[in-house]
Amino acid sequence: MRFLITLSLICFCVFSCKQSTQTDSASAASAKITLPANVSKVLDAHGGYDKWKEMKAMIYTIKNDDDDDDGGEKQTIDLEDRREKVEGKDYAMGFDGSQYWVDADTSFKKNPVFYTNLMMYFYAMPFVISDAGISYTDVSPFQFEDNKYPGFKVSYDTGIGVSPEDEYYIYYNPETYQMEWLAYTVTYFSKEKSAKLGWIRYDDWMEMQGLKIPSSMAWYKVEDNKPVSERNRRQFETVTLSKTKMTDDTFAAAAGARIVENK
């Protein structure tokens, strides 16, 4: 399926952006922190930190613009402890709070330890940058075509998550404070700081439960560390945000699933 092939191409880039294991994410996501004024304004432009913290669960289906009719991929996430279930046409996988599992034939190559929470982290921007253990630094404005976007860098304290060397750059509209761009580095495999950036454009928002969340996101081709043109776009459909916590059996391993060791 084109969806699986295309999405697998970004796993290398995206995996390092999952900053926490599920255990670390649960504690970081629940902690109350003090945010710089511009960071707070960006969150407020999307509905606010407090309203986001009211949400307990999120569900969406991811589709590429060029997908065939395979139904896309459904992801169900517990926003408090970051448990997740991923369901595609011929596979399912997830994290139940203690173990990772996959239900697919042996040709299926994705490792749920790597894949769980990958897309969620990008989709839940800018709210996930309010987790504990994060530092913020103002950076020079970024210009794309005729527009300039102020921004700030997000970095992680030592020992936070699986890739504390990762860095994110949030750029926002100077008048509305709505998030417009995300730049990110990949350090998981090297374990060293990197200057190479990936870029995602956030230009398609919808409102749900009083929060602005992406309707779609565009990954960009990069030249000289700057975005130049849209490479591919992912649509997020049948989106649900809920204040009700999901039951444990939502994330339980499917009958006959293989348990995957978290190495």
Protein backbone atom coordinates (compact mmCIF):
# COMPACT_ATOMS: atom_id res chain seq x y z
CA MET A 1 0.00 0.00 0.00
CA ARG A 2 1.29 3.44 -0.87
CA PHE A 3 0.36 4.69 2.61
CA LEU A 4 2.65 2.16 4.30
CA ILE A 5 5.50 2.80 1.92
CA THR A 6 5.30 6.57 2.19
CA LEU A 7 4.89 6.62 5.93
CA SER A 8 7.78 4.24 6.46
CA LEU A 9 10.08 6.66 4.66
CA ILE A 10 9.62 9.22 7.42
CA CYS A 11 9.98 6.82 10.35
CA PHE A 12 13.73 7.46 10.54
CA CYS A 13 13.14 11.21 10.71
CA VAL A 14 10.14 11.08 12.99
CA PHE A 15 11.24 8.49 15.54
CA SER A 16 13.76 10.75 17.20
CA CYS A 17 11.01 13.30 17.73
CA LYS A 18 9.20 11.01 20.17
CA GLN A 19 10.89 12.58 23.15
CA SER A 20 9.66 10.26 25.87
CA THR A 21 9.08 6.66 26.56
CA GLN A 22 5.46 6.12 27.54
CA THR A 23 6.43 6.09 31.22
CA ASP A 24 8.36 9.35 30.98
CA SER A 25 5.61 10.91 28.87
CA ALA A 26 2.94 10.18 31.44
CA SER A 27 4.75 12.04 34.20
CA ALA A 28 5.89 14.87 31.94
CA ALA A 29 2.43 15.36 30.45
CA SER A 30 0.77 15.58 33.87
CA ALA A 31 3.20 18.07 35.42
CA LYS A 32 2.19 21.74 35.79
CA ILE A 33 4.87 24.07 34.48
CA THR A 34 5.47 27.79 34.05
CA LEU A 35 5.78 28.88 30.43
CA PRO A 36 7.43 31.97 28.87
CA ALA A 37 4.98 34.62 27.70
CA ASN A 38 5.36 33.96 23.97
CA VAL A 39 5.01 30.20 24.44
CA SER A 40 1.84 30.75 26.48
CA LYS A 41 0.46 33.03 23.76
CA VAL A 42 1.04 30.34 21.14
CA LEU A 43 -0.83 27.81 23.28
CA ASP A 44 -3.58 30.36 23.95
CA ALA A 45 -3.96 30.91 20.19
CA HIS A 46 -4.80 27.21 19.92
CA GLY A 47 -7.22 27.09 22.85
CA GLY A 48 -4.93 27.19 25.85
CA TYR A 49 -2.88 24.95 28.09
CA ASP A 50 -5.65 24.38 30.65
CA LYS A 51 -8.22 23.33 28.07
CA TRP A 52 -5.74 20.91 26.50
CA LYS A 53 -5.11 19.32 29.89
CA GLU A 54 -8.84 18.58 30.15
CA MET A 55 -8.53 16.17 27.23
CA LYS A 56 -7.99 12.52 28.11
CA ALA A 57 -8.08 10.80 24.72
CA MET A 58 -7.59 11.47 21.02
CA ILE A 59 -8.47 9.45 17.91
CA TYR A 60 -7.76 10.18 14.25
CA THR A 61 -7.21 8.46 10.91
CA ILE A 62 -4.16 9.42 8.82
CA LYS A 63 -4.33 9.46 5.04
CA ASN A 64 -1.89 10.63 2.38
CA ASP A 65 -3.19 12.67 -0.54
CA ASP A 66 -2.15 9.87 -2.91
CA ASP A 67 -3.42 6.93 -0.83
CA ASP A 68 -5.35 4.19 -2.50
CA ASP A 69 -8.63 3.24 -0.89
CA ASP A 70 -7.22 1.27 2.04
CA GLY A 71 -8.89 3.24 4.80
CA GLY A 72 -5.71 4.87 6.08
CA GLU A 73 -4.35 4.28 9.56
CA LYS A 74 -6.34 4.82 12.75
CA GLN A 75 -4.52 5.87 15.91
CA THR A 76 -6.06 5.96 19.39
CA ILE A 77 -4.08 7.70 22.15
CA ASP A 78 -4.44 8.13 25.89
CA LEU A 79 -3.22 11.70 26.33
CA GLU A 80 -2.35 11.24 30.01
CA ASP A 81 -0.13 8.17 29.89
CA ARG A 82 0.48 8.02 26.11
CA ARG A 83 -0.80 4.49 25.62
CA GLU A 84 -1.67 3.96 21.97
CA LYS A 85 -3.33 1.60 19.53
CA VAL A 86 -2.58 1.75 15.79
CA GLU A 87 -4.85 0.01 13.28
CA GLY A 88 -4.30 -0.40 9.54
CA LYS A 89 -5.88 -2.55 6.85
CA ASP A 90 -3.76 -5.62 7.55
CA TYR A 91 -2.17 -4.89 10.91
CA ALA A 92 -2.58 -3.56 14.43
CA MET A 93 -0.04 -2.64 17.09
CA GLY A 94 0.28 -0.61 20.23
CA PHE A 95 1.41 -0.07 23.78
CA ASP A 96 -0.86 -1.17 26.63
CA GLY A 97 0.99 0.59 29.43
CA SER A 98 3.46 -2.17 30.15
CA GLN A 99 4.28 -3.92 26.89
CA TYR A 100 4.38 -3.34 23.15
CA TRP A 101 2.53 -5.66 20.79
CA VAL A 102 1.94 -6.20 17.09
CA ASP A 103 -0.71 -8.23 15.26
CA ALA A 104 0.44 -8.73 11.66
CA ASP A 105 2.11 -11.33 9.48
CA THR A 106 5.87 -11.75 9.49
CA SER A 107 6.32 -9.47 6.45
CA PHE A 108 5.25 -6.47 8.56
CA LYS A 109 8.40 -4.53 9.37
CA LYS A 110 7.31 -1.72 11.69
CA ASN A 111 8.42 -2.13 15.30
CA PRO A 112 5.75 -0.81 17.71
CA VAL A 113 8.44 0.29 20.15
CA PHE A 114 9.67 2.69 17.46
CA TYR A 115 6.32 3.63 15.95
CA THR A 116 4.09 4.26 18.95
CA ASN A 117 3.43 8.00 19.49
CA LEU A 118 5.45 9.05 16.45
CA MET A 119 2.72 10.85 14.55
CA MET A 120 0.94 11.87 17.74
CA TYR A 121 3.89 14.01 18.76
CA PHE A 122 3.72 16.06 15.57
CA TYR A 123 -0.07 16.14 15.51
CA ALA A 124 -0.41 17.38 19.09
CA MET A 125 1.81 20.40 18.47
CA PRO A 126 2.03 22.94 20.00
CA PHE A 127 0.57 21.39 23.17
CA VAL A 128 3.21 18.68 23.65
CA ILE A 129 5.91 21.33 24.05
CA SER A 130 4.31 22.19 27.40
CA ASP A 131 5.51 18.91 28.94
CA ALA A 132 7.91 19.11 31.89
CA GLY A 133 11.70 19.06 31.40
CA ILE A 134 11.71 21.52 28.49
CA SER A 135 13.70 24.74 28.01
CA TYR A 136 12.73 27.58 25.67
CA THR A 137 15.01 30.04 23.86
CA ASP A 138 13.94 32.82 21.49
CA VAL A 139 15.46 32.53 18.01
CA SER A 140 15.76 34.82 15.01
CA PRO A 141 12.65 35.10 12.82
CA PHE A 142 12.30 32.68 9.94
CA GLN A 143 11.37 34.03 6.52
CA PHE A 144 9.44 32.04 3.93
CA GLU A 145 8.57 33.83 0.71
CA ASP A 146 7.35 37.29 1.81
CA ASN A 147 6.47 36.43 5.39
CA LYS A 148 8.54 36.51 8.57
CA TYR A 149 7.73 34.31 11.53
CA PRO A 150 9.12 34.85 15.04
CA GLY A 151 9.99 31.71 16.92
CA PHE A 152 11.56 29.89 19.81
CA LYS A 153 13.68 26.78 20.25
CA VAL A 154 12.56 23.87 22.38
CA SER A 155 15.27 21.74 23.99
CA TYR A 156 15.18 19.01 26.62
CA ASP A 157 16.84 18.58 29.98
CA THR A 158 19.43 15.83 30.36
CA GLY A 159 17.76 12.46 30.86
CA ILE A 160 14.39 13.51 29.43
CA GLY A 161 13.14 10.93 26.97
CA VAL A 162 15.03 8.77 24.53
CA SER A 163 16.64 11.65 22.59
CA PRO A 164 17.26 14.65 24.85
CA GLU A 165 19.63 16.06 22.21
CA ASP A 166 16.71 16.69 19.85
CA GLU A 167 15.64 20.28 19.26
CA TYR A 168 12.45 21.80 17.90
CA TYR A 169 11.87 25.26 16.46
CA ILE A 170 8.33 26.64 16.65
CA TYR A 171 7.54 29.56 14.32
CA TYR A 172 4.27 31.44 14.62
CA ASN A 173 2.20 34.24 13.09
CA PRO A 174 3.42 37.52 14.66
CA GLU A 175 -0.12 38.90 14.94
CA THR A 176 -2.24 35.90 15.88
CA TYR A 177 0.47 33.71 17.53
CA GLN A 178 -0.93 30.73 15.64
CA MET A 179 1.71 28.11 14.92
CA GLU A 180 2.81 28.10 11.27
CA TRP A 181 6.00 26.01 11.03
CA LEU A 182 7.91 23.33 12.89
CA ALA A 183 11.61 22.63 12.30
CA TYR A 184 13.21 19.67 14.06
CA THR A 185 16.50 17.83 14.35
CA VAL A 186 17.13 14.08 14.38
CA THR A 187 19.60 12.73 16.95
CA TYR A 188 18.30 9.33 18.05
CA PHE A 189 20.80 7.25 16.12
CA SER A 190 23.87 9.47 16.52
CA LYS A 191 23.11 10.57 20.11
CA GLU A 192 24.76 13.86 19.18
CA LYS A 193 23.47 17.35 18.45
CA SER A 194 22.56 17.89 14.82
CA ALA A 195 22.25 21.01 12.69
CA LYS A 196 20.22 19.27 9.97
CA LEU A 197 16.57 20.31 10.01
CA GLY A 198 13.34 18.75 8.83
CA TRP A 199 10.36 21.06 8.22
CA ILE A 200 6.59 20.70 8.59
CA ARG A 201 4.07 23.39 7.68
CA TYR A 202 0.95 23.85 9.79
CA ASP A 203 -1.43 25.77 7.55
CA ASP A 204 -4.69 23.83 7.85
CA TRP A 205 -6.40 23.99 11.24
CA MET A 206 -9.80 22.97 12.55
CA GLU A 207 -11.51 23.62 15.88
CA MET A 208 -12.66 20.90 18.23
CA GLN A 209 -13.55 21.07 21.92
CA GLY A 210 -12.39 24.70 21.88
CA LEU A 211 -8.92 23.71 20.62
CA LYS A 212 -7.26 24.27 17.26
CA ILE A 213 -5.75 21.07 15.93
CA PRO A 214 -4.40 20.23 12.46
CA SER A 215 -6.73 19.08 9.72
CA SER A 216 -3.64 18.30 7.64
CA MET A 217 0.12 18.83 7.81
CA ALA A 218 2.64 19.27 4.99
CA TRP A 219 6.18 17.88 5.03
CA TYR A 220 8.53 20.04 2.95
CA LYS A 221 11.51 19.41 0.73
CA VAL A 222 14.59 21.04 2.27
CA GLU A 223 17.54 22.76 0.61
CA ASP A 224 20.33 24.43 2.58
CA ASN A 225 18.38 23.63 5.75
CA LYS A 226 15.34 25.65 4.61
CA PRO A 227 11.95 24.50 3.30
CA VAL A 228 11.48 25.07 -0.43
CA SER A 229 8.35 23.22 -1.58
CA GLU A 230 5.71 20.82 -0.31
CA ARG A 231 6.80 17.18 -0.52
CA ASN A 232 3.72 15.41 0.77
CA ARG A 233 0.67 16.13 2.89
CA ARG A 234 -1.08 13.97 5.43
CA GLN A 235 -4.78 14.37 6.16
CA PHE A 236 -6.23 13.72 9.62
CA GLU A 237 -9.81 12.53 9.38
CA THR A 238 -12.56 11.38 11.77
CA VAL A 239 -10.79 13.21 14.59
CA THR A 240 -12.10 12.91 18.14
CA LEU A 241 -10.95 14.70 21.30
CA SER A 242 -12.53 13.44 24.49
CA LYS A 243 -12.56 14.43 28.16
CA THR A 244 -13.37 10.82 29.03
CA LYS A 245 -10.53 8.41 29.71
CA MET A 246 -10.62 5.25 27.64
CA THR A 247 -10.84 1.83 29.23
CA ASP A 248 -7.80 -0.40 29.55
CA ASP A 249 -9.11 -2.92 27.05
CA THR A 250 -8.92 -0.24 24.33
CA PHE A 251 -5.13 -0.65 24.32
CA ALA A 252 -4.94 -4.35 25.17
CA ALA A 253 -3.00 -6.61 22.85
CA ALA A 254 -5.11 -8.28 20.18
CA ALA A 255 -5.67 -12.02 20.49
CA GLY A 256 -2.67 -13.78 19.00
CA ALA A 257 -0.51 -10.65 18.92
CA ARG A 258 3.24 -10.90 19.32
CA ILE A 259 4.81 -9.12 22.29
CA VAL A 260 7.78 -6.98 21.28
CA GLU A 261 10.60 -6.36 23.74
CA ASN A 262 11.53 -2.75 24.48
CA LYS A 263 15.31 -2.90 24.00
